[in-house]
């Protein structure tokens, strides 16, 4: 029987979750999925400069697991740069700790894994409530405002003060 995976602690969900080469339309691009926990491993080790032992403790994982995440993330990033592919950051097996960019608090469930009806992806076109980039999300209860995170609808965010579901602020 397979042991269930522990959630990896993530201190910051990326505010921007899609990168692509210039001059190429999205339709023509292949995508590489970089999971949020791979992103966090790269952020802690390469960007923040933590030693592997420290970074592993912050993510609540072993050093060998951190090493595998870093190796996988670097390989994906190199493939995207060398072969001109887009990078989408999503999924993984994580829980956000502290205050992060984007959702701020919550769990992410990885590609191919559906838990309690939670899937992945935004769908096509966004529908009539998709207001696009920019703007502000507001809590209907306590009126707290946060900048809208690209790629994350306001209704999927929770207020960090009272826990209510955020809504898009009318202009």
N, C-alpha and C. Protein backbone atom coordinates (compact mmCIF):
# COMPACT_ATOMS: atom_id res chain seq x y z
N UNK A 1 0.84 -1.19 0.00
CA UNK A 1 0.00 0.00 0.00
C UNK A 1 0.88 1.24 0.00
N UNK A 2 0.54 2.21 -0.81
CA UNK A 2 1.32 3.43 -0.95
C UNK A 2 1.04 4.36 0.22
N UNK A 3 2.12 4.91 0.78
CA UNK A 3 1.99 5.86 1.87
C UNK A 3 1.47 7.19 1.31
N UNK A 4 0.47 7.80 1.96
CA UNK A 4 -0.04 9.08 1.45
C UNK A 4 1.03 10.17 1.57
N UNK A 5 1.07 11.05 0.59
CA UNK A 5 2.04 12.15 0.60
C UNK A 5 1.64 13.21 1.62
N UNK A 6 2.66 13.75 2.27
CA UNK A 6 2.41 14.88 3.17
C UNK A 6 2.36 16.15 2.34
N UNK A 7 1.58 17.09 2.80
CA UNK A 7 1.56 18.39 2.14
C UNK A 7 2.90 19.08 2.38
N UNK A 8 3.42 19.72 1.36
CA UNK A 8 4.65 20.49 1.49
C UNK A 8 4.27 21.92 1.86
N UNK A 9 4.97 22.49 2.81
CA UNK A 9 4.71 23.86 3.22
C UNK A 9 5.25 24.81 2.16
N UNK A 10 4.40 25.74 1.75
CA UNK A 10 4.78 26.75 0.77
C UNK A 10 4.53 28.11 1.40
N UNK A 11 5.54 28.95 1.42
CA UNK A 11 5.42 30.27 2.05
C UNK A 11 4.88 31.32 1.11
N UNK A 12 4.90 31.06 -0.20
CA UNK A 12 4.50 32.08 -1.15
C UNK A 12 4.02 31.42 -2.44
N UNK A 13 2.79 31.67 -2.81
CA UNK A 13 2.27 31.22 -4.10
C UNK A 13 2.65 32.30 -5.11
N UNK A 14 3.13 31.92 -6.29
CA UNK A 14 3.57 32.95 -7.23
C UNK A 14 2.45 33.87 -7.66
N UNK A 15 2.74 35.16 -7.73
CA UNK A 15 1.78 36.14 -8.21
C UNK A 15 1.58 36.04 -9.70
N UNK A 16 2.60 35.62 -10.40
CA UNK A 16 2.54 35.40 -11.85
C UNK A 16 2.79 33.92 -12.06
N UNK A 17 1.89 33.26 -12.77
CA UNK A 17 2.01 31.82 -12.90
C UNK A 17 2.17 31.33 -14.33
N UNK A 18 2.49 32.23 -15.26
CA UNK A 18 2.66 31.83 -16.65
C UNK A 18 3.77 32.63 -17.30
N UNK A 19 4.70 31.95 -17.93
CA UNK A 19 5.82 32.58 -18.62
C UNK A 19 5.92 31.97 -20.01
N UNK A 20 6.16 32.83 -21.01
CA UNK A 20 6.27 32.33 -22.37
C UNK A 20 7.30 33.14 -23.14
N UNK A 21 7.87 32.54 -24.18
CA UNK A 21 8.80 33.29 -25.02
C UNK A 21 8.05 34.38 -25.79
N UNK A 22 8.71 35.49 -26.02
CA UNK A 22 8.08 36.57 -26.79
C UNK A 22 8.06 36.20 -28.27
N UNK A 23 7.12 36.79 -28.97
CA UNK A 23 7.04 36.59 -30.41
C UNK A 23 6.38 35.30 -30.85
N UNK A 24 5.89 34.51 -29.91
CA UNK A 24 5.23 33.25 -30.25
C UNK A 24 3.85 33.28 -29.61
N UNK A 25 2.81 32.97 -30.38
CA UNK A 25 1.47 32.98 -29.81
C UNK A 25 1.29 31.78 -28.89
N UNK A 26 0.40 31.91 -27.92
CA UNK A 26 0.15 30.85 -26.94
C UNK A 26 -0.30 29.57 -27.63
N UNK A 27 -1.07 29.70 -28.69
CA UNK A 27 -1.58 28.52 -29.41
C UNK A 27 -0.45 27.67 -30.00
N UNK A 28 0.66 28.32 -30.35
CA UNK A 28 1.77 27.61 -30.99
C UNK A 28 2.72 26.97 -29.97
N UNK A 29 2.54 27.28 -28.70
CA UNK A 29 3.49 26.85 -27.68
C UNK A 29 3.12 25.53 -27.01
N UNK A 30 4.14 24.77 -26.69
CA UNK A 30 3.97 23.65 -25.78
C UNK A 30 4.18 24.21 -24.38
N UNK A 31 3.49 23.64 -23.40
CA UNK A 31 3.61 24.09 -22.01
C UNK A 31 4.32 23.05 -21.17
N UNK A 32 5.05 23.55 -20.21
CA UNK A 32 5.65 22.71 -19.18
C UNK A 32 5.00 23.13 -17.87
N UNK A 33 4.54 22.16 -17.10
CA UNK A 33 3.92 22.45 -15.80
C UNK A 33 4.99 22.37 -14.72
N UNK A 34 5.20 23.48 -14.03
CA UNK A 34 6.08 23.54 -12.86
C UNK A 34 5.14 23.61 -11.66
N UNK A 35 5.21 22.61 -10.78
CA UNK A 35 4.29 22.59 -9.65
C UNK A 35 4.66 23.67 -8.64
N UNK A 36 3.71 24.06 -7.81
CA UNK A 36 3.94 25.11 -6.82
C UNK A 36 5.02 24.68 -5.83
N UNK A 37 5.07 23.39 -5.47
CA UNK A 37 6.12 22.95 -4.55
C UNK A 37 7.49 22.97 -5.22
N UNK A 38 7.58 22.70 -6.53
CA UNK A 38 8.85 22.85 -7.25
C UNK A 38 9.26 24.31 -7.28
N UNK A 39 8.29 25.19 -7.56
CA UNK A 39 8.55 26.63 -7.54
C UNK A 39 9.10 27.07 -6.18
N UNK A 40 8.48 26.59 -5.10
CA UNK A 40 8.91 26.97 -3.75
C UNK A 40 10.32 26.47 -3.46
N UNK A 41 10.66 25.26 -3.90
CA UNK A 41 12.00 24.73 -3.69
C UNK A 41 13.04 25.61 -4.40
N UNK A 42 12.76 26.00 -5.64
CA UNK A 42 13.66 26.89 -6.39
C UNK A 42 13.73 28.26 -5.72
N UNK A 43 12.59 28.77 -5.29
CA UNK A 43 12.56 30.09 -4.63
C UNK A 43 13.44 30.10 -3.38
N UNK A 44 13.28 29.08 -2.55
CA UNK A 44 14.05 29.04 -1.29
C UNK A 44 15.54 28.81 -1.54
N UNK A 45 15.88 27.86 -2.40
CA UNK A 45 17.29 27.51 -2.60
C UNK A 45 18.01 28.51 -3.49
N UNK A 46 17.47 28.78 -4.67
CA UNK A 46 18.18 29.60 -5.65
C UNK A 46 17.95 31.10 -5.47
N UNK A 47 16.74 31.51 -5.15
CA UNK A 47 16.44 32.94 -5.05
C UNK A 47 16.74 33.48 -3.65
N UNK A 48 16.24 32.82 -2.62
CA UNK A 48 16.45 33.28 -1.24
C UNK A 48 17.83 32.88 -0.70
N UNK A 49 18.46 31.86 -1.29
CA UNK A 49 19.81 31.47 -0.91
C UNK A 49 19.91 30.59 0.33
N UNK A 50 18.82 29.91 0.70
CA UNK A 50 18.86 29.02 1.86
C UNK A 50 19.70 27.78 1.54
N UNK A 51 20.34 27.24 2.56
CA UNK A 51 21.00 25.95 2.42
C UNK A 51 19.90 24.90 2.27
N UNK A 52 20.26 23.74 1.70
CA UNK A 52 19.26 22.69 1.46
C UNK A 52 18.58 22.24 2.75
N UNK A 53 19.34 22.11 3.81
CA UNK A 53 18.77 21.65 5.08
C UNK A 53 17.72 22.64 5.60
N UNK A 54 18.05 23.94 5.53
CA UNK A 54 17.11 24.98 5.97
C UNK A 54 15.85 25.01 5.11
N UNK A 55 16.05 24.95 3.79
CA UNK A 55 14.92 24.99 2.86
C UNK A 55 14.01 23.79 3.07
N UNK A 56 14.60 22.61 3.30
CA UNK A 56 13.81 21.40 3.53
C UNK A 56 12.97 21.54 4.79
N UNK A 57 13.56 22.11 5.84
CA UNK A 57 12.81 22.31 7.10
C UNK A 57 11.64 23.27 6.88
N UNK A 58 11.88 24.34 6.13
CA UNK A 58 10.81 25.31 5.87
C UNK A 58 9.64 24.66 5.11
N UNK A 59 9.95 23.72 4.23
CA UNK A 59 8.91 23.06 3.44
C UNK A 59 8.36 21.82 4.13
N UNK A 60 8.92 21.44 5.28
CA UNK A 60 8.49 20.27 6.04
C UNK A 60 8.68 18.97 5.24
N UNK A 61 9.84 18.88 4.58
CA UNK A 61 10.18 17.70 3.80
C UNK A 61 11.63 17.31 4.10
N UNK A 62 12.03 16.13 3.65
CA UNK A 62 13.41 15.68 3.85
C UNK A 62 14.32 16.35 2.82
N UNK A 63 15.63 16.34 3.11
CA UNK A 63 16.59 16.90 2.16
C UNK A 63 16.57 16.16 0.81
N UNK A 64 16.50 14.81 0.82
CA UNK A 64 16.43 14.13 -0.48
C UNK A 64 15.20 14.52 -1.30
N UNK A 65 14.06 14.73 -0.63
CA UNK A 65 12.85 15.17 -1.33
C UNK A 65 13.05 16.57 -1.91
N UNK A 66 13.65 17.47 -1.14
CA UNK A 66 13.93 18.82 -1.64
C UNK A 66 14.85 18.74 -2.84
N UNK A 67 15.88 17.90 -2.75
CA UNK A 67 16.82 17.75 -3.86
C UNK A 67 16.09 17.28 -5.12
N UNK A 68 15.18 16.32 -4.99
CA UNK A 68 14.41 15.84 -6.15
C UNK A 68 13.54 16.95 -6.73
N UNK A 69 12.91 17.76 -5.86
CA UNK A 69 12.09 18.88 -6.34
C UNK A 69 12.94 19.89 -7.11
N UNK A 70 14.11 20.25 -6.56
CA UNK A 70 14.99 21.21 -7.21
C UNK A 70 15.47 20.67 -8.55
N UNK A 71 15.89 19.40 -8.56
CA UNK A 71 16.37 18.78 -9.79
C UNK A 71 15.28 18.79 -10.87
N UNK A 72 14.06 18.40 -10.48
CA UNK A 72 12.94 18.37 -11.41
C UNK A 72 12.61 19.78 -11.93
N UNK A 73 12.58 20.75 -11.03
CA UNK A 73 12.25 22.13 -11.43
C UNK A 73 13.30 22.70 -12.37
N UNK A 74 14.57 22.50 -12.05
CA UNK A 74 15.66 23.02 -12.90
C UNK A 74 15.61 22.38 -14.29
N UNK A 75 15.32 21.09 -14.34
CA UNK A 75 15.24 20.40 -15.63
C UNK A 75 14.10 20.97 -16.47
N UNK A 76 12.94 21.21 -15.84
CA UNK A 76 11.79 21.77 -16.56
C UNK A 76 12.08 23.19 -17.04
N UNK A 77 12.69 24.00 -16.20
CA UNK A 77 13.02 25.38 -16.57
C UNK A 77 14.01 25.39 -17.72
N UNK A 78 15.04 24.55 -17.64
CA UNK A 78 16.03 24.47 -18.72
C UNK A 78 15.38 24.03 -20.03
N UNK A 79 14.50 23.03 -19.97
CA UNK A 79 13.81 22.56 -21.17
C UNK A 79 12.98 23.68 -21.80
N UNK A 80 12.30 24.44 -20.97
CA UNK A 80 11.48 25.54 -21.48
C UNK A 80 12.33 26.60 -22.16
N UNK A 81 13.46 26.94 -21.56
CA UNK A 81 14.33 27.97 -22.13
C UNK A 81 14.99 27.48 -23.42
N UNK A 82 15.55 26.28 -23.40
CA UNK A 82 16.28 25.75 -24.55
C UNK A 82 15.34 25.45 -25.72
N UNK A 83 14.16 24.90 -25.45
CA UNK A 83 13.25 24.50 -26.52
C UNK A 83 12.13 25.50 -26.77
N UNK A 84 12.17 26.64 -26.10
CA UNK A 84 11.17 27.68 -26.35
C UNK A 84 9.76 27.30 -25.97
N UNK A 85 9.59 26.70 -24.79
CA UNK A 85 8.27 26.30 -24.32
C UNK A 85 7.80 27.26 -23.23
N UNK A 86 6.50 27.28 -23.03
CA UNK A 86 5.91 28.11 -21.96
C UNK A 86 5.99 27.35 -20.64
N UNK A 87 6.01 28.10 -19.53
CA UNK A 87 5.99 27.50 -18.20
C UNK A 87 4.72 27.95 -17.50
N UNK A 88 3.94 26.97 -17.04
CA UNK A 88 2.75 27.26 -16.24
C UNK A 88 3.02 26.72 -14.84
N UNK A 89 2.82 27.57 -13.82
CA UNK A 89 3.03 27.14 -12.44
C UNK A 89 1.66 26.85 -11.83
N UNK A 90 1.44 25.57 -11.49
CA UNK A 90 0.17 25.16 -10.90
C UNK A 90 0.30 23.76 -10.32
N UNK A 91 -0.62 23.44 -9.44
CA UNK A 91 -0.69 22.09 -8.90
C UNK A 91 0.40 21.77 -7.90
N UNK A 92 0.53 20.52 -7.59
CA UNK A 92 1.48 20.06 -6.59
C UNK A 92 0.74 19.58 -5.36
N UNK A 93 1.49 19.25 -4.35
CA UNK A 93 0.92 18.72 -3.12
C UNK A 93 1.38 19.64 -1.99
N UNK A 94 0.68 20.74 -1.78
CA UNK A 94 1.18 21.77 -0.88
C UNK A 94 0.08 22.39 -0.04
N UNK A 95 0.52 23.09 0.99
CA UNK A 95 -0.36 23.92 1.80
C UNK A 95 0.38 25.24 2.03
N UNK A 96 -0.33 26.35 1.86
CA UNK A 96 0.28 27.67 2.03
C UNK A 96 0.34 28.01 3.50
N UNK A 97 1.52 28.43 3.95
CA UNK A 97 1.69 28.86 5.34
C UNK A 97 2.02 30.35 5.34
N UNK A 98 1.60 31.06 6.35
CA UNK A 98 1.88 32.49 6.42
C UNK A 98 1.11 33.25 5.37
N UNK A 99 1.60 34.43 5.03
CA UNK A 99 0.97 35.26 4.02
C UNK A 99 1.72 35.11 2.71
N UNK A 100 1.04 34.64 1.70
CA UNK A 100 1.67 34.48 0.40
C UNK A 100 1.04 35.41 -0.60
N UNK A 101 1.62 35.46 -1.76
CA UNK A 101 1.04 36.23 -2.86
C UNK A 101 -0.07 35.38 -3.45
N UNK A 102 -1.10 35.99 -3.95
CA UNK A 102 -2.17 35.23 -4.58
C UNK A 102 -3.19 34.78 -3.57
N UNK A 103 -3.36 33.48 -3.43
CA UNK A 103 -4.42 32.95 -2.60
C UNK A 103 -4.23 33.27 -1.13
N UNK A 104 -2.99 33.35 -0.67
CA UNK A 104 -2.73 33.72 0.72
C UNK A 104 -2.82 32.57 1.68
N UNK A 105 -3.74 31.68 1.49
CA UNK A 105 -3.89 30.54 2.38
C UNK A 105 -4.73 29.49 1.70
N UNK A 106 -4.32 28.26 1.82
CA UNK A 106 -5.13 27.21 1.22
C UNK A 106 -4.29 26.04 0.79
N UNK A 107 -4.89 25.10 0.10
CA UNK A 107 -4.19 23.90 -0.35
C UNK A 107 -4.22 23.82 -1.85
N UNK A 108 -3.18 23.27 -2.42
CA UNK A 108 -3.14 23.03 -3.85
C UNK A 108 -3.10 21.55 -4.10
N UNK A 109 -3.81 21.09 -5.07
CA UNK A 109 -3.83 19.68 -5.39
C UNK A 109 -3.30 19.49 -6.78
N UNK A 110 -2.43 18.52 -6.94
CA UNK A 110 -1.64 18.37 -8.15
C UNK A 110 -2.37 17.83 -9.35
N UNK A 111 -1.66 17.85 -10.43
CA UNK A 111 -2.14 17.39 -11.71
C UNK A 111 -2.53 15.93 -11.61
N UNK A 112 -3.69 15.59 -12.13
CA UNK A 112 -4.14 14.22 -12.13
C UNK A 112 -4.70 13.76 -10.79
N UNK A 113 -4.70 14.61 -9.81
CA UNK A 113 -5.19 14.23 -8.50
C UNK A 113 -6.41 15.08 -8.20
N UNK A 114 -7.54 14.43 -7.97
CA UNK A 114 -8.74 15.16 -7.62
C UNK A 114 -9.13 14.80 -6.21
N UNK A 115 -9.27 15.80 -5.38
CA UNK A 115 -9.63 15.59 -3.99
C UNK A 115 -10.90 16.38 -3.72
N UNK A 116 -11.91 15.72 -3.23
CA UNK A 116 -13.17 16.37 -2.87
C UNK A 116 -13.69 17.28 -3.97
N UNK A 117 -13.57 16.84 -5.23
CA UNK A 117 -14.13 17.60 -6.34
C UNK A 117 -13.28 18.78 -6.79
N UNK A 118 -12.10 18.95 -6.21
CA UNK A 118 -11.25 20.06 -6.61
C UNK A 118 -10.44 19.60 -7.81
N UNK A 119 -10.54 20.29 -8.92
CA UNK A 119 -9.80 19.93 -10.12
C UNK A 119 -8.71 20.94 -10.38
N UNK A 120 -8.40 21.15 -11.64
CA UNK A 120 -7.40 22.14 -11.97
C UNK A 120 -7.80 22.87 -13.23
N UNK A 121 -7.22 24.02 -13.43
CA UNK A 121 -7.44 24.80 -14.63
C UNK A 121 -8.55 25.81 -14.48
N UNK A 122 -8.51 26.83 -15.35
CA UNK A 122 -9.46 27.92 -15.29
C UNK A 122 -10.59 27.76 -16.28
N UNK A 123 -10.51 26.78 -17.16
CA UNK A 123 -11.51 26.68 -18.20
C UNK A 123 -11.12 27.57 -19.37
N UNK A 124 -11.98 27.65 -20.35
CA UNK A 124 -11.68 28.43 -21.53
C UNK A 124 -12.55 29.67 -21.55
N UNK A 125 -11.95 30.82 -21.76
CA UNK A 125 -12.69 32.06 -21.93
C UNK A 125 -13.01 32.80 -20.64
N UNK A 126 -13.07 32.13 -19.52
CA UNK A 126 -13.29 32.81 -18.25
C UNK A 126 -14.73 33.13 -17.93
N UNK A 127 -15.60 33.21 -18.92
CA UNK A 127 -17.00 33.50 -18.64
C UNK A 127 -17.25 34.98 -18.41
N UNK A 128 -18.50 35.37 -18.09
CA UNK A 128 -18.86 36.77 -17.99
C UNK A 128 -18.26 37.48 -16.77
N UNK A 129 -17.82 36.74 -15.75
CA UNK A 129 -17.28 37.38 -14.55
C UNK A 129 -15.78 37.56 -14.61
N UNK A 130 -15.14 37.09 -15.67
CA UNK A 130 -13.69 37.21 -15.78
C UNK A 130 -13.35 38.64 -16.19
N UNK A 131 -12.86 39.42 -15.25
CA UNK A 131 -12.59 40.84 -15.51
C UNK A 131 -11.18 41.08 -16.03
N UNK A 132 -10.37 40.03 -16.15
CA UNK A 132 -9.03 40.18 -16.69
C UNK A 132 -8.03 40.60 -15.63
N UNK A 133 -6.80 40.93 -16.06
CA UNK A 133 -5.75 41.29 -15.12
C UNK A 133 -6.02 42.63 -14.46
N UNK A 134 -5.33 42.88 -13.38
CA UNK A 134 -5.49 44.14 -12.67
C UNK A 134 -6.73 44.11 -11.79
N UNK A 135 -7.06 45.22 -11.21
CA UNK A 135 -8.25 45.30 -10.38
C UNK A 135 -8.00 44.91 -8.94
N UNK A 136 -9.10 44.83 -8.19
CA UNK A 136 -9.02 44.60 -6.76
C UNK A 136 -10.07 43.57 -6.36
N UNK A 137 -9.70 42.70 -5.42
CA UNK A 137 -10.65 41.78 -4.80
C UNK A 137 -11.01 42.36 -3.44
N UNK A 138 -12.29 42.28 -3.06
CA UNK A 138 -12.74 42.88 -1.81
C UNK A 138 -13.55 41.85 -1.01
N UNK A 139 -13.43 41.92 0.30
CA UNK A 139 -14.20 41.04 1.18
C UNK A 139 -15.57 41.70 1.41
N UNK A 140 -16.66 40.99 1.14
CA UNK A 140 -17.99 41.58 1.33
C UNK A 140 -18.34 41.80 2.80
N UNK A 141 -17.67 41.10 3.72
CA UNK A 141 -17.97 41.24 5.15
C UNK A 141 -17.19 42.37 5.80
N UNK A 142 -15.85 42.30 5.73
CA UNK A 142 -15.04 43.29 6.45
C UNK A 142 -14.48 44.39 5.54
N UNK A 143 -14.75 44.32 4.24
CA UNK A 143 -14.37 45.33 3.24
C UNK A 143 -12.86 45.42 3.00
N UNK A 144 -12.08 44.42 3.44
CA UNK A 144 -10.64 44.41 3.18
C UNK A 144 -10.39 44.23 1.68
N UNK A 145 -9.45 44.96 1.13
CA UNK A 145 -9.13 44.90 -0.29
C UNK A 145 -7.73 44.35 -0.49
N UNK A 146 -7.57 43.53 -1.54
CA UNK A 146 -6.27 43.01 -1.94
C UNK A 146 -6.17 43.11 -3.45
N UNK A 147 -4.97 43.33 -3.98
CA UNK A 147 -4.82 43.37 -5.44
C UNK A 147 -5.19 42.03 -6.05
N UNK A 148 -5.82 42.08 -7.20
CA UNK A 148 -6.21 40.85 -7.90
C UNK A 148 -4.96 40.15 -8.40
N UNK A 149 -4.86 38.84 -8.17
CA UNK A 149 -3.74 38.02 -8.64
C UNK A 149 -4.11 37.43 -9.99
N UNK A 150 -3.28 37.66 -11.00
CA UNK A 150 -3.54 37.17 -12.35
C UNK A 150 -3.67 35.65 -12.32
N UNK A 151 -4.71 35.15 -12.94
CA UNK A 151 -4.92 33.71 -13.06
C UNK A 151 -5.71 33.10 -11.91
N UNK A 152 -6.03 33.90 -10.88
CA UNK A 152 -6.80 33.38 -9.75
C UNK A 152 -8.04 34.25 -9.59
N UNK A 153 -9.22 33.71 -9.88
CA UNK A 153 -10.43 34.50 -9.72
C UNK A 153 -10.63 34.92 -8.26
N UNK A 154 -11.19 36.11 -8.06
CA UNK A 154 -11.42 36.60 -6.70
C UNK A 154 -12.25 35.62 -5.88
N UNK A 155 -13.24 34.99 -6.51
CA UNK A 155 -14.12 34.09 -5.76
C UNK A 155 -13.41 32.84 -5.26
N UNK A 156 -12.18 32.60 -5.71
CA UNK A 156 -11.41 31.46 -5.20
C UNK A 156 -10.46 31.87 -4.07
N UNK A 157 -10.48 33.15 -3.70
CA UNK A 157 -9.62 33.65 -2.63
C UNK A 157 -10.44 33.82 -1.35
N UNK A 158 -9.78 33.64 -0.22
CA UNK A 158 -10.42 33.83 1.09
C UNK A 158 -9.80 35.05 1.76
N UNK A 159 -10.62 35.80 2.48
CA UNK A 159 -10.17 36.98 3.22
C UNK A 159 -9.24 36.52 4.35
N UNK A 160 -8.07 37.16 4.47
CA UNK A 160 -7.12 36.78 5.51
C UNK A 160 -7.56 37.25 6.90
N UNK A 161 -8.48 38.20 6.96
CA UNK A 161 -8.98 38.69 8.26
C UNK A 161 -10.13 37.84 8.79
N UNK A 162 -11.16 37.63 7.95
CA UNK A 162 -12.37 36.97 8.45
C UNK A 162 -12.67 35.62 7.79
N UNK A 163 -11.95 35.28 6.71
CA UNK A 163 -12.14 33.98 6.08
C UNK A 163 -13.26 33.93 5.05
N UNK A 164 -13.93 35.05 4.78
CA UNK A 164 -15.02 35.07 3.82
C UNK A 164 -14.48 34.97 2.40
N UNK A 165 -15.31 34.53 1.46
CA UNK A 165 -14.93 34.46 0.06
C UNK A 165 -14.87 35.86 -0.52
N UNK A 166 -13.78 36.16 -1.21
CA UNK A 166 -13.59 37.49 -1.81
C UNK A 166 -14.43 37.62 -3.09
N UNK A 167 -14.73 38.85 -3.46
CA UNK A 167 -15.44 39.14 -4.72
C UNK A 167 -14.68 40.23 -5.46
N UNK A 168 -14.93 40.35 -6.76
CA UNK A 168 -14.28 41.38 -7.56
C UNK A 168 -14.92 42.72 -7.27
N UNK A 169 -14.11 43.74 -7.05
CA UNK A 169 -14.61 45.08 -6.76
C UNK A 169 -15.13 45.71 -8.04
N UNK A 170 -16.34 46.28 -7.97
CA UNK A 170 -16.90 46.99 -9.13
C UNK A 170 -16.18 48.30 -9.30
N UNK A 171 -15.89 48.63 -10.55
CA UNK A 171 -15.18 49.90 -10.83
C UNK A 171 -16.08 51.07 -10.87
